[in-house]
Each structure stands twice: as structure tokens, then as C-alpha cells.
Amino acid sequence: MADTLNQLVEKLRQALGDQLVAVVLYGSAATGDHRDKFSDYNVLCVLTTISPAQLRATEPIFRWWRERGNPSPLLLTEHELNDSTDCFPIEFRDIREHHRILYGPDLVSNLTIDDAHYRGQVEHDLRAKLLRLRQKASGILSDKEVLCRLLVDSVSTFCVLFRHALILRGEEAPVRKREIMSMTGESFGIDAQPFELLLDLRDRKPGAKIEEPEALLARCMKEIEKVIDIVDRLGSAEGAA
């Protein structure tokens, strides 16, 4: 993948010139937990300005990048990078802690993260992803294969959010998904086994299979609800303090 990342940077440099400030790789590819089948290469591009002209210049590059199975890079100005941490504390915490500079100066290692809304975002995202899981499952419950795929596709998202729930509890949370699930089970007293099974399926571990996906869905939802309740109580404790 190194060659493709180098190609991306070169294409961006040619298209944007001195308007391109920095290119940053983040996410699982930067933490060492990347899986080619299920993981994306997440890239942040910092520009001096962003207008329709810059969007037009990047359109063919981003199309080329998406054709290789990756989401379009995030585009931020340097001003936005420094002023948005209160809105996206989860995302910027992860980028600051785990990233690789592909081009330009390191603008993220010393980001100041405003945690005023951090707990609220963790709870919001957990609830939103649970609602979305229920919504999607309600339309495919009778199709075991599709339901299995939905569960496998969702496990990475819940690993990320469980990690931030651990951080809220003051834990030194790991970044690898299996370690996150193990610590979440120990710290929050939840059953991590259904999520570990989904990670086995995601990683194509020999012998891994879901006998009853509907029952597994029920187990996952129950444990996610437990984590949400704990995060919610942390908010109540903050308010009382």
C-alpha cells in the first residue's frame, strides 16, 4: 500500500501545489490493526483554503482513491483543524494519538483537544450506532447471511467507541480491537464473547461461524446497552460534582 499512498500524495501535490499543507494517514493503518478486507485507509488533507476550485482539482484524485476501496480524504484548512476539536473530540483524539505524516509538517501531534463535549459525543455516537444497527437489522432479520455481514461490518465501530468509553473511565485503553474488547469486558463487566466472535469472522479465523445470527444480535445489543448506561452514569456523576 505504500506505493499507492505515495501516488496519492504526488497526485495531490500536482493538483493543489502550495495550497496543500499536509497529508496525514490515520485510523487502523496507523495503529497497526489494519485488515485489508475490512479496513480503510483514512487520510486527512490540510489545505490553505478550500473552495469549489480545490474541490474540482481533487475530484479525479478522490475518485481514483475511492475505486481502490477507500473513503475520500477529509479536507480541512489549518484554521479548521485547530478550531474543530471541541466538535469532534473522539476523531481528533484518535488522529492525534495515532497517525503517520505522509507530507508536510506534523500539525496534529500537538493539537489541543477540548474535552468539554467528549463524554457527550461518546454517548451520542454509541446511541446513534445502536439505533442504526437496530434499524438496519429490522429490515434483514430473516436473511441470516446479510445479518451476519451487518454484524461483522459493525464490530469495528463499536470497538472504537468502547475504547473511548474506557478512556472516560480513566483507563489506559489499547488500540487493537481484540485488546479493547478484552479490557471492556473486564472493566465494564460485559460479555465480550459475541464481539470477539465477530472479530474472528472479520479476520477469517478458521472455524469461526455464527450459528444463530439473530441470537448473536440480541447479545450484542444487550452488551452495547450496558456500556451506554455506564457512560450515561458518568455524565450524571459529572453533573453532581
Protein backbone atom coordinates (compact mmCIF):
# COMPACT_ATOMS: atom_id res chain seq x y z
CA MET A 1 0.00 0.00 0.00
CA ALA A 2 2.99 2.32 0.42
CA ASP A 3 3.20 2.86 -3.32
CA THR A 4 -0.48 3.82 -3.51
CA LEU A 5 -0.10 6.28 -0.64
CA ASN A 6 2.91 7.82 -2.37
CA GLN A 7 0.88 8.09 -5.56
CA LEU A 8 -1.94 9.80 -3.65
CA VAL A 9 0.43 12.38 -2.18
CA GLU A 10 2.04 13.06 -5.56
CA LYS A 11 -1.33 13.50 -7.26
CA LEU A 12 -2.42 15.91 -4.52
CA ARG A 13 0.81 17.89 -4.80
CA GLN A 14 0.44 18.22 -8.55
CA ALA A 15 -3.22 19.24 -8.33
CA LEU A 16 -3.01 21.62 -5.38
CA GLY A 17 0.55 22.96 -5.43
CA ASP A 18 1.37 25.22 -2.50
CA GLN A 19 -2.25 25.10 -1.33
CA LEU A 20 -1.51 21.62 0.07
CA VAL A 21 -0.10 21.99 3.59
CA ALA A 22 -0.04 18.41 4.94
CA VAL A 23 -1.29 14.89 4.32
CA VAL A 24 -1.89 12.61 7.32
CA LEU A 25 -2.68 8.89 7.48
CA TYR A 26 -4.79 7.92 10.50
CA GLY A 27 -7.05 5.09 11.65
CA SER A 28 -6.26 1.38 11.74
CA ALA A 29 -3.49 1.70 9.14
CA ALA A 30 -1.63 3.98 11.53
CA THR A 31 -2.21 1.80 14.61
CA GLY A 32 -1.04 -1.49 13.10
CA ASP A 33 -4.52 -3.04 13.34
CA HIS A 34 -5.34 -2.80 9.64
CA ARG A 35 -7.09 -5.67 7.83
CA ASP A 36 -7.14 -5.43 4.04
CA LYS A 37 -10.59 -6.97 3.69
CA PHE A 38 -12.38 -4.73 6.19
CA SER A 39 -10.18 -1.70 6.93
CA ASP A 40 -9.99 1.56 5.05
CA TYR A 41 -7.01 3.84 4.54
CA ASN A 42 -8.12 7.07 6.18
CA VAL A 43 -6.38 10.25 5.07
CA LEU A 44 -6.60 13.86 6.24
CA CYS A 45 -5.54 16.63 3.87
CA VAL A 46 -4.82 20.09 5.28
CA LEU A 47 -5.10 22.96 2.79
CA THR A 48 -4.57 26.69 2.98
CA THR A 49 -8.08 27.34 1.65
CA ILE A 50 -10.95 25.17 0.47
CA SER A 51 -13.23 26.41 -2.28
CA PRO A 52 -15.00 24.84 -5.28
CA ALA A 53 -11.72 25.26 -7.18
CA GLN A 54 -9.89 22.96 -4.77
CA LEU A 55 -12.79 20.50 -4.76
CA ARG A 56 -12.72 20.42 -8.56
CA ALA A 57 -8.97 19.82 -8.55
CA THR A 58 -9.28 16.87 -6.17
CA GLU A 59 -12.34 15.28 -7.79
CA PRO A 60 -10.46 12.87 -10.14
CA ILE A 61 -7.93 12.05 -7.40
CA PHE A 62 -10.61 11.18 -4.88
CA ARG A 63 -12.47 9.14 -7.48
CA TRP A 64 -9.25 7.18 -8.14
CA TRP A 65 -8.78 6.74 -4.37
CA ARG A 66 -12.36 5.50 -3.83
CA GLU A 67 -12.00 3.00 -6.66
CA ARG A 68 -9.30 1.39 -4.53
CA GLY A 69 -11.79 0.83 -1.72
CA ASN A 70 -11.03 3.85 0.45
CA PRO A 71 -13.19 6.75 1.65
CA SER A 72 -12.50 10.17 0.23
CA PRO A 73 -9.85 12.02 2.28
CA LEU A 74 -11.01 14.61 4.78
CA LEU A 75 -10.32 18.19 3.71
CA LEU A 76 -9.66 20.81 6.39
CA THR A 77 -7.95 24.16 6.48
CA GLU A 78 -5.29 24.65 9.14
CA HIS A 79 -7.65 27.05 10.91
CA GLU A 80 -10.42 24.44 10.94
CA LEU A 81 -8.02 21.80 12.19
CA ASN A 82 -7.25 23.85 15.28
CA ASP A 83 -10.79 25.12 15.89
CA SER A 84 -12.82 21.91 15.47
CA THR A 85 -11.50 19.77 18.30
CA ASP A 86 -14.42 20.65 20.58
CA CYS A 87 -16.90 19.42 17.95
CA PHE A 88 -15.09 16.16 17.15
CA PRO A 89 -13.10 15.18 20.27
CA ILE A 90 -13.30 11.43 19.50
CA GLU A 91 -11.95 11.79 15.99
CA PHE A 92 -9.22 14.29 16.83
CA ARG A 93 -8.06 12.32 19.87
CA ASP A 94 -7.58 9.27 17.66
CA ILE A 95 -5.82 11.24 14.94
CA ARG A 96 -3.51 12.96 17.42
CA GLU A 97 -2.54 9.73 19.17
CA HIS A 98 -2.19 7.50 16.11
CA HIS A 99 -1.15 8.97 12.80
CA ARG A 100 1.60 9.00 10.21
CA ILE A 101 2.67 12.10 8.34
CA LEU A 102 2.74 11.44 4.59
CA TYR A 103 3.55 15.00 3.56
CA GLY A 104 4.28 18.36 5.16
CA PRO A 105 4.69 19.35 8.81
CA ASP A 106 3.18 17.46 11.73
CA LEU A 107 0.16 19.59 12.59
CA VAL A 108 -1.66 17.03 14.72
CA SER A 109 0.72 15.75 17.42
CA ASN A 110 0.33 18.92 19.48
CA LEU A 111 -3.37 19.52 18.88
CA THR A 112 -5.19 20.77 21.96
CA ILE A 113 -8.32 18.69 22.38
CA ASP A 114 -11.24 20.46 24.02
CA ASP A 115 -12.93 17.72 26.08
CA ALA A 116 -15.95 19.80 27.09
CA HIS A 117 -18.24 17.66 24.94
CA TYR A 118 -16.19 14.46 24.90
CA ARG A 119 -18.38 12.31 27.14
CA GLY A 120 -21.48 13.60 25.38
CA GLN A 121 -20.10 12.66 21.98
CA VAL A 122 -19.18 9.17 23.16
CA GLU A 123 -22.70 8.61 24.46
CA HIS A 124 -24.28 10.18 21.38
CA ASP A 125 -22.28 8.05 18.98
CA LEU A 126 -22.92 4.84 20.94
CA ARG A 127 -26.66 5.50 20.97
CA ALA A 128 -26.70 6.55 17.31
CA LYS A 129 -24.80 3.45 16.18
CA LEU A 130 -27.04 1.19 18.25
CA LEU A 131 -30.15 2.80 16.75
CA ARG A 132 -28.65 2.40 13.29
CA LEU A 133 -27.84 -1.26 13.95
CA ARG A 134 -31.43 -1.92 15.05
CA GLN A 135 -32.80 -0.01 12.07
CA LYS A 136 -30.74 -1.95 9.56
CA ALA A 137 -31.33 -5.31 11.27
CA SER A 138 -35.10 -4.80 11.29
CA GLY A 139 -35.16 -4.95 7.50
CA ILE A 140 -32.97 -8.04 7.05
CA LEU A 141 -33.65 -10.21 10.10
CA SER A 142 -34.90 -13.16 8.04
CA ASP A 143 -31.78 -13.19 5.84
CA LYS A 144 -29.14 -14.84 8.02
CA GLU A 145 -26.26 -14.20 5.61
CA VAL A 146 -26.96 -10.49 5.29
CA LEU A 147 -27.50 -10.16 9.04
CA CYS A 148 -24.14 -11.84 9.66
CA ARG A 149 -22.48 -9.39 7.31
CA LEU A 150 -24.13 -6.44 9.08
CA LEU A 151 -22.84 -7.63 12.45
CA VAL A 152 -19.31 -8.19 11.17
CA ASP A 153 -19.28 -4.78 9.48
CA SER A 154 -20.42 -3.06 12.68
CA VAL A 155 -17.90 -4.53 15.12
CA SER A 156 -15.04 -2.15 14.29
CA THR A 157 -17.20 0.89 15.02
CA PHE A 158 -18.19 -0.42 18.44
CA CYS A 159 -14.56 -1.28 19.21
CA VAL A 160 -13.63 2.36 18.62
CA LEU A 161 -16.46 3.65 20.79
CA PHE A 162 -15.80 1.15 23.57
CA ARG A 163 -12.20 2.34 23.58
CA HIS A 164 -13.36 5.89 24.24
CA ALA A 165 -15.74 4.68 26.93
CA LEU A 166 -12.70 3.12 28.62
CA ILE A 167 -10.78 6.39 28.34
CA LEU A 168 -13.69 8.17 30.03
CA ARG A 169 -13.32 5.72 32.91
CA GLY A 170 -9.66 6.70 33.24
CA GLU A 171 -8.30 3.51 31.65
CA GLU A 172 -5.14 3.29 29.55
CA ALA A 173 -7.14 1.95 26.63
CA PRO A 174 -5.38 -0.16 23.99
CA VAL A 175 -5.79 0.45 20.26
CA ARG A 176 -6.01 -3.11 18.96
CA LYS A 177 -9.59 -4.25 18.70
CA ARG A 178 -9.25 -7.60 20.48
CA GLU A 179 -7.46 -5.94 23.38
CA ILE A 180 -10.16 -3.26 23.54
CA MET A 181 -12.86 -5.90 23.80
CA SER A 182 -10.98 -7.83 26.46
CA MET A 183 -10.49 -4.70 28.59
CA THR A 184 -14.10 -3.60 28.07
CA GLY A 185 -15.27 -6.96 29.35
CA GLU A 186 -13.07 -6.70 32.43
CA SER A 187 -13.66 -3.03 33.21
CA PHE A 188 -17.38 -2.79 32.45
CA GLY A 189 -18.39 -6.34 33.32
CA ILE A 190 -19.88 -7.05 29.91
CA ASP A 191 -19.77 -10.27 27.90
CA ALA A 192 -17.12 -9.64 25.24
CA GLN A 193 -17.52 -13.06 23.61
CA PRO A 194 -20.06 -12.07 20.91
CA PHE A 195 -17.81 -9.23 19.75
CA GLU A 196 -14.75 -11.49 19.82
CA LEU A 197 -16.61 -13.96 17.60
CA LEU A 198 -17.38 -11.16 15.15
CA LEU A 199 -13.69 -10.22 15.11
CA ASP A 200 -12.86 -13.87 14.39
CA LEU A 201 -15.21 -13.78 11.42
CA ARG A 202 -13.84 -10.44 10.30
CA ASP A 203 -10.31 -11.86 10.37
CA ARG A 204 -11.41 -15.12 8.70
CA LYS A 205 -10.26 -17.22 11.63
CA PRO A 206 -10.60 -20.93 10.79
CA GLY A 207 -13.73 -22.47 12.27
CA ALA A 208 -15.38 -19.16 13.12
CA LYS A 209 -19.08 -19.09 12.26
CA ILE A 210 -22.39 -17.77 13.54
CA GLU A 211 -24.95 -20.47 14.18
CA GLU A 212 -27.83 -18.13 15.10
CA PRO A 213 -27.19 -14.54 13.95
CA GLU A 214 -30.44 -13.27 15.45
CA ALA A 215 -29.43 -14.54 18.88
CA LEU A 216 -25.97 -13.00 18.44
CA LEU A 217 -27.57 -9.68 17.51
CA ALA A 218 -29.58 -9.80 20.74
CA ARG A 219 -26.44 -10.48 22.79
CA CYS A 220 -24.53 -7.64 21.13
CA MET A 221 -27.34 -5.15 21.65
CA LYS A 222 -27.64 -6.12 25.32
CA GLU A 223 -23.93 -5.52 25.96
CA ILE A 224 -23.88 -2.26 23.99
CA GLU A 225 -26.78 -1.02 26.12
CA LYS A 226 -24.76 -1.82 29.27
CA VAL A 227 -21.84 0.31 28.04
CA ILE A 228 -24.20 3.17 27.17
CA ASP A 229 -25.69 3.05 30.66
CA ILE A 230 -22.22 3.29 32.21
CA VAL A 231 -21.25 6.24 30.00
CA ASP A 232 -24.57 7.92 30.83
CA ARG A 233 -23.93 7.50 34.57
CA LEU A 234 -20.53 9.12 34.13
CA GLY A 235 -22.39 12.17 32.85
CA SER A 236 -24.69 12.14 35.88
CA ALA A 237 -21.65 11.96 38.16
CA GLU A 238 -20.10 14.96 36.38
CA GLY A 239 -23.30 16.93 36.85
CA ALA A 240 -23.47 16.10 40.56
CA ALA A 241 -19.86 17.16 41.03
